[in-house]
N, C-alpha and C. Protein backbone atom coordinates (compact mmCIF):
# COMPACT_ATOMS: atom_id res chain seq x y z
N MET A 1 -11.44 8.76 1.16
CA MET A 1 -12.35 7.72 1.61
C MET A 1 -12.23 7.49 3.11
N ASP A 2 -11.02 7.23 3.58
CA ASP A 2 -10.75 7.05 5.00
C ASP A 2 -11.58 5.92 5.61
N SER A 3 -11.62 4.79 4.93
CA SER A 3 -12.32 3.62 5.47
C SER A 3 -11.31 2.74 6.20
N GLU A 4 -11.84 1.83 7.00
CA GLU A 4 -10.95 0.92 7.73
C GLU A 4 -10.13 0.07 6.75
N LEU A 5 -10.74 -0.32 5.65
CA LEU A 5 -10.03 -1.09 4.62
C LEU A 5 -8.85 -0.29 4.07
N ASP A 6 -9.08 0.99 3.76
CA ASP A 6 -8.01 1.85 3.24
C ASP A 6 -6.91 2.05 4.28
N ARG A 7 -7.30 2.22 5.54
CA ARG A 7 -6.30 2.42 6.60
C ARG A 7 -5.46 1.16 6.79
N THR A 8 -6.09 -0.01 6.73
CA THR A 8 -5.35 -1.26 6.88
C THR A 8 -4.37 -1.45 5.73
N PHE A 9 -4.83 -1.22 4.50
CA PHE A 9 -3.94 -1.35 3.35
C PHE A 9 -2.79 -0.35 3.45
N GLY A 10 -3.11 0.90 3.76
CA GLY A 10 -2.09 1.94 3.86
C GLY A 10 -1.06 1.63 4.94
N GLY A 11 -1.52 1.07 6.06
CA GLY A 11 -0.60 0.70 7.12
C GLY A 11 0.37 -0.38 6.67
N GLY A 12 -0.12 -1.31 5.85
CA GLY A 12 0.76 -2.35 5.31
C GLY A 12 1.81 -1.77 4.38
N VAL A 13 1.41 -0.80 3.56
CA VAL A 13 2.36 -0.13 2.67
C VAL A 13 3.42 0.58 3.51
N ARG A 14 2.98 1.28 4.54
CA ARG A 14 3.93 2.00 5.41
C ARG A 14 4.92 1.04 6.06
N ARG A 15 4.43 -0.08 6.58
CA ARG A 15 5.34 -1.05 7.23
C ARG A 15 6.36 -1.59 6.23
N ARG A 16 5.94 -1.91 5.04
CA ARG A 16 6.87 -2.42 4.02
C ARG A 16 7.88 -1.35 3.63
N ARG A 17 7.41 -0.12 3.46
CA ARG A 17 8.31 0.98 3.09
C ARG A 17 9.36 1.19 4.18
N GLU A 18 8.92 1.26 5.42
CA GLU A 18 9.84 1.49 6.54
C GLU A 18 10.81 0.32 6.72
N ALA A 19 10.33 -0.90 6.49
CA ALA A 19 11.21 -2.08 6.62
C ALA A 19 12.34 -2.04 5.61
N GLN A 20 12.12 -1.33 4.50
CA GLN A 20 13.15 -1.20 3.48
C GLN A 20 13.98 0.07 3.67
N GLY A 21 13.73 0.79 4.76
CA GLY A 21 14.50 2.00 5.05
C GLY A 21 14.18 3.15 4.11
N MET A 22 13.00 3.13 3.53
CA MET A 22 12.60 4.17 2.58
C MET A 22 11.76 5.23 3.27
N SER A 23 11.98 6.46 2.89
CA SER A 23 11.12 7.55 3.37
C SER A 23 9.91 7.65 2.46
N GLN A 24 8.92 8.42 2.88
CA GLN A 24 7.78 8.68 2.00
C GLN A 24 8.25 9.37 0.72
N MET A 25 9.22 10.25 0.85
CA MET A 25 9.74 10.95 -0.33
C MET A 25 10.42 9.97 -1.28
N ASP A 26 11.16 9.01 -0.74
CA ASP A 26 11.81 8.00 -1.59
C ASP A 26 10.75 7.23 -2.39
N LEU A 27 9.70 6.80 -1.71
CA LEU A 27 8.65 6.05 -2.38
C LEU A 27 7.93 6.92 -3.40
N ALA A 28 7.69 8.16 -3.04
CA ALA A 28 7.02 9.08 -3.96
C ALA A 28 7.84 9.25 -5.25
N ARG A 29 9.14 9.36 -5.11
CA ARG A 29 10.00 9.48 -6.30
C ARG A 29 9.90 8.26 -7.19
N LYS A 30 9.90 7.07 -6.58
CA LYS A 30 9.78 5.85 -7.35
C LYS A 30 8.43 5.75 -8.06
N LEU A 31 7.40 6.30 -7.42
CA LEU A 31 6.06 6.24 -7.99
C LEU A 31 5.78 7.38 -8.95
N GLY A 32 6.60 8.43 -8.87
CA GLY A 32 6.36 9.61 -9.70
C GLY A 32 5.17 10.41 -9.24
N CYS A 33 5.02 10.51 -7.93
CA CYS A 33 3.91 11.28 -7.35
C CYS A 33 4.44 12.15 -6.22
N PRO A 34 3.65 13.10 -5.75
CA PRO A 34 4.10 13.92 -4.62
C PRO A 34 4.12 13.11 -3.31
N GLN A 35 4.96 13.54 -2.40
CA GLN A 35 5.04 12.89 -1.08
C GLN A 35 3.68 12.92 -0.39
N SER A 36 2.90 13.96 -0.62
CA SER A 36 1.58 14.06 0.01
C SER A 36 0.66 12.93 -0.47
N GLY A 37 0.86 12.45 -1.71
CA GLY A 37 0.06 11.33 -2.21
C GLY A 37 0.37 10.05 -1.45
N VAL A 38 1.64 9.83 -1.16
CA VAL A 38 2.04 8.66 -0.37
C VAL A 38 1.48 8.79 1.04
N SER A 39 1.55 9.96 1.61
CA SER A 39 1.03 10.19 2.96
C SER A 39 -0.47 9.89 3.02
N ARG A 40 -1.22 10.39 2.04
CA ARG A 40 -2.68 10.15 2.03
C ARG A 40 -2.99 8.66 1.86
N LEU A 41 -2.20 7.98 1.03
CA LEU A 41 -2.42 6.55 0.82
C LEU A 41 -2.14 5.78 2.12
N GLU A 42 -1.01 6.07 2.75
CA GLU A 42 -0.63 5.33 3.97
C GLU A 42 -1.57 5.61 5.13
N SER A 43 -2.17 6.77 5.16
CA SER A 43 -3.08 7.10 6.27
C SER A 43 -4.51 6.64 5.99
N GLY A 44 -4.76 6.12 4.79
CA GLY A 44 -6.10 5.63 4.46
C GLY A 44 -7.04 6.70 3.97
N ARG A 45 -6.51 7.88 3.69
CA ARG A 45 -7.36 8.96 3.19
C ARG A 45 -7.56 8.87 1.68
N ARG A 46 -6.91 7.88 1.06
CA ARG A 46 -6.98 7.74 -0.39
C ARG A 46 -6.82 6.27 -0.75
N SER A 47 -7.63 5.81 -1.70
CA SER A 47 -7.53 4.43 -2.20
C SER A 47 -6.68 4.42 -3.47
N PRO A 48 -5.80 3.44 -3.62
CA PRO A 48 -4.99 3.37 -4.84
C PRO A 48 -5.80 2.82 -6.01
N THR A 49 -5.45 3.25 -7.21
CA THR A 49 -6.01 2.66 -8.42
C THR A 49 -5.27 1.36 -8.71
N LEU A 50 -5.77 0.58 -9.65
CA LEU A 50 -5.06 -0.65 -10.03
C LEU A 50 -3.67 -0.34 -10.55
N ARG A 51 -3.55 0.70 -11.34
CA ARG A 51 -2.24 1.10 -11.87
C ARG A 51 -1.29 1.47 -10.72
N GLU A 52 -1.81 2.17 -9.72
CA GLU A 52 -0.98 2.55 -8.57
C GLU A 52 -0.60 1.32 -7.74
N LEU A 53 -1.51 0.35 -7.62
CA LEU A 53 -1.17 -0.88 -6.91
C LEU A 53 0.02 -1.58 -7.58
N ALA A 54 -0.01 -1.65 -8.90
CA ALA A 54 1.10 -2.27 -9.63
C ALA A 54 2.38 -1.48 -9.41
N GLY A 55 2.30 -0.15 -9.41
CA GLY A 55 3.47 0.69 -9.16
C GLY A 55 4.01 0.51 -7.76
N LEU A 56 3.13 0.38 -6.78
CA LEU A 56 3.56 0.15 -5.40
C LEU A 56 4.31 -1.17 -5.29
N ALA A 57 3.76 -2.21 -5.90
CA ALA A 57 4.41 -3.52 -5.84
C ALA A 57 5.82 -3.43 -6.43
N LYS A 58 5.95 -2.77 -7.56
CA LYS A 58 7.26 -2.63 -8.19
C LYS A 58 8.20 -1.79 -7.32
N ALA A 59 7.71 -0.65 -6.84
CA ALA A 59 8.55 0.26 -6.04
C ALA A 59 9.01 -0.38 -4.74
N LEU A 60 8.16 -1.24 -4.16
CA LEU A 60 8.49 -1.90 -2.90
C LEU A 60 9.12 -3.27 -3.12
N ASN A 61 9.32 -3.64 -4.42
CA ASN A 61 9.91 -4.92 -4.76
C ASN A 61 9.18 -6.06 -4.04
N THR A 62 7.85 -6.02 -4.14
CA THR A 62 6.97 -6.94 -3.43
C THR A 62 5.90 -7.44 -4.39
N PRO A 63 5.60 -8.72 -4.39
CA PRO A 63 4.49 -9.19 -5.23
C PRO A 63 3.19 -8.47 -4.85
N LEU A 64 2.40 -8.15 -5.85
CA LEU A 64 1.13 -7.48 -5.62
C LEU A 64 0.27 -8.29 -4.66
N SER A 65 0.29 -9.60 -4.80
CA SER A 65 -0.52 -10.45 -3.91
C SER A 65 -0.12 -10.26 -2.45
N ASP A 66 1.17 -10.02 -2.19
CA ASP A 66 1.61 -9.79 -0.81
C ASP A 66 1.08 -8.48 -0.26
N LEU A 67 0.98 -7.46 -1.12
CA LEU A 67 0.42 -6.18 -0.66
C LEU A 67 -1.03 -6.35 -0.24
N LEU A 68 -1.75 -7.19 -0.95
CA LEU A 68 -3.18 -7.38 -0.66
C LEU A 68 -3.45 -8.43 0.40
N ARG A 69 -2.46 -9.27 0.67
CA ARG A 69 -2.65 -10.40 1.59
C ARG A 69 -3.10 -9.97 2.98
N GLU A 70 -2.63 -8.82 3.44
CA GLU A 70 -3.02 -8.37 4.80
C GLU A 70 -4.51 -8.16 4.93
N LEU A 71 -5.19 -7.98 3.81
CA LEU A 71 -6.63 -7.74 3.84
C LEU A 71 -7.42 -9.04 3.90
N GLU A 72 -6.76 -10.17 3.58
CA GLU A 72 -7.46 -11.45 3.60
C GLU A 72 -7.87 -11.80 5.02
N GLY A 73 -9.07 -12.33 5.13
CA GLY A 73 -9.59 -12.70 6.44
C GLY A 73 -10.26 -11.56 7.15
N ASP A 74 -9.91 -10.34 6.79
CA ASP A 74 -10.57 -9.16 7.36
C ASP A 74 -11.63 -8.69 6.38
N PHE A 75 -12.56 -7.96 6.86
CA PHE A 75 -13.56 -7.32 6.01
C PHE A 75 -14.37 -8.32 5.20
N GLY A 76 -14.46 -9.57 5.67
CA GLY A 76 -15.25 -10.57 4.99
C GLY A 76 -14.61 -11.15 3.74
N LEU A 77 -13.31 -10.88 3.53
CA LEU A 77 -12.62 -11.41 2.36
C LEU A 77 -12.05 -12.78 2.68
N PRO A 78 -12.22 -13.74 1.76
CA PRO A 78 -11.69 -15.09 2.03
C PRO A 78 -10.18 -15.12 1.96
N ARG A 79 -9.59 -16.01 2.72
CA ARG A 79 -8.13 -16.19 2.68
C ARG A 79 -7.78 -17.06 1.48
N GLY A 80 -6.66 -16.71 0.83
CA GLY A 80 -6.18 -17.49 -0.30
C GLY A 80 -5.38 -18.68 0.15
N GLY A 81 -5.32 -19.68 -0.66
CA GLY A 81 -4.54 -20.88 -0.35
C GLY A 81 -3.16 -20.76 -0.95
N HIS A 82 -2.21 -21.44 -0.38
CA HIS A 82 -0.82 -21.43 -0.89
C HIS A 82 -0.40 -22.83 -1.21
């Protein structure tokens, strides 16, 4: 796809992964996918499925809502309340 939305989401995944000291290969192992799949996701060349979103949240030990929060306010999406 390679849309701005995908690139923004992928960049957030990359930042979270790196903040935890994980390599793309580490994340790929946790997800049960090839490292190239993680690379495509982080670069925005691929959109995750709902099942993959849940797997990412678990692998990154992060609430799913936090993974999506970076997209709020951008792309015409409303910000959630806390």
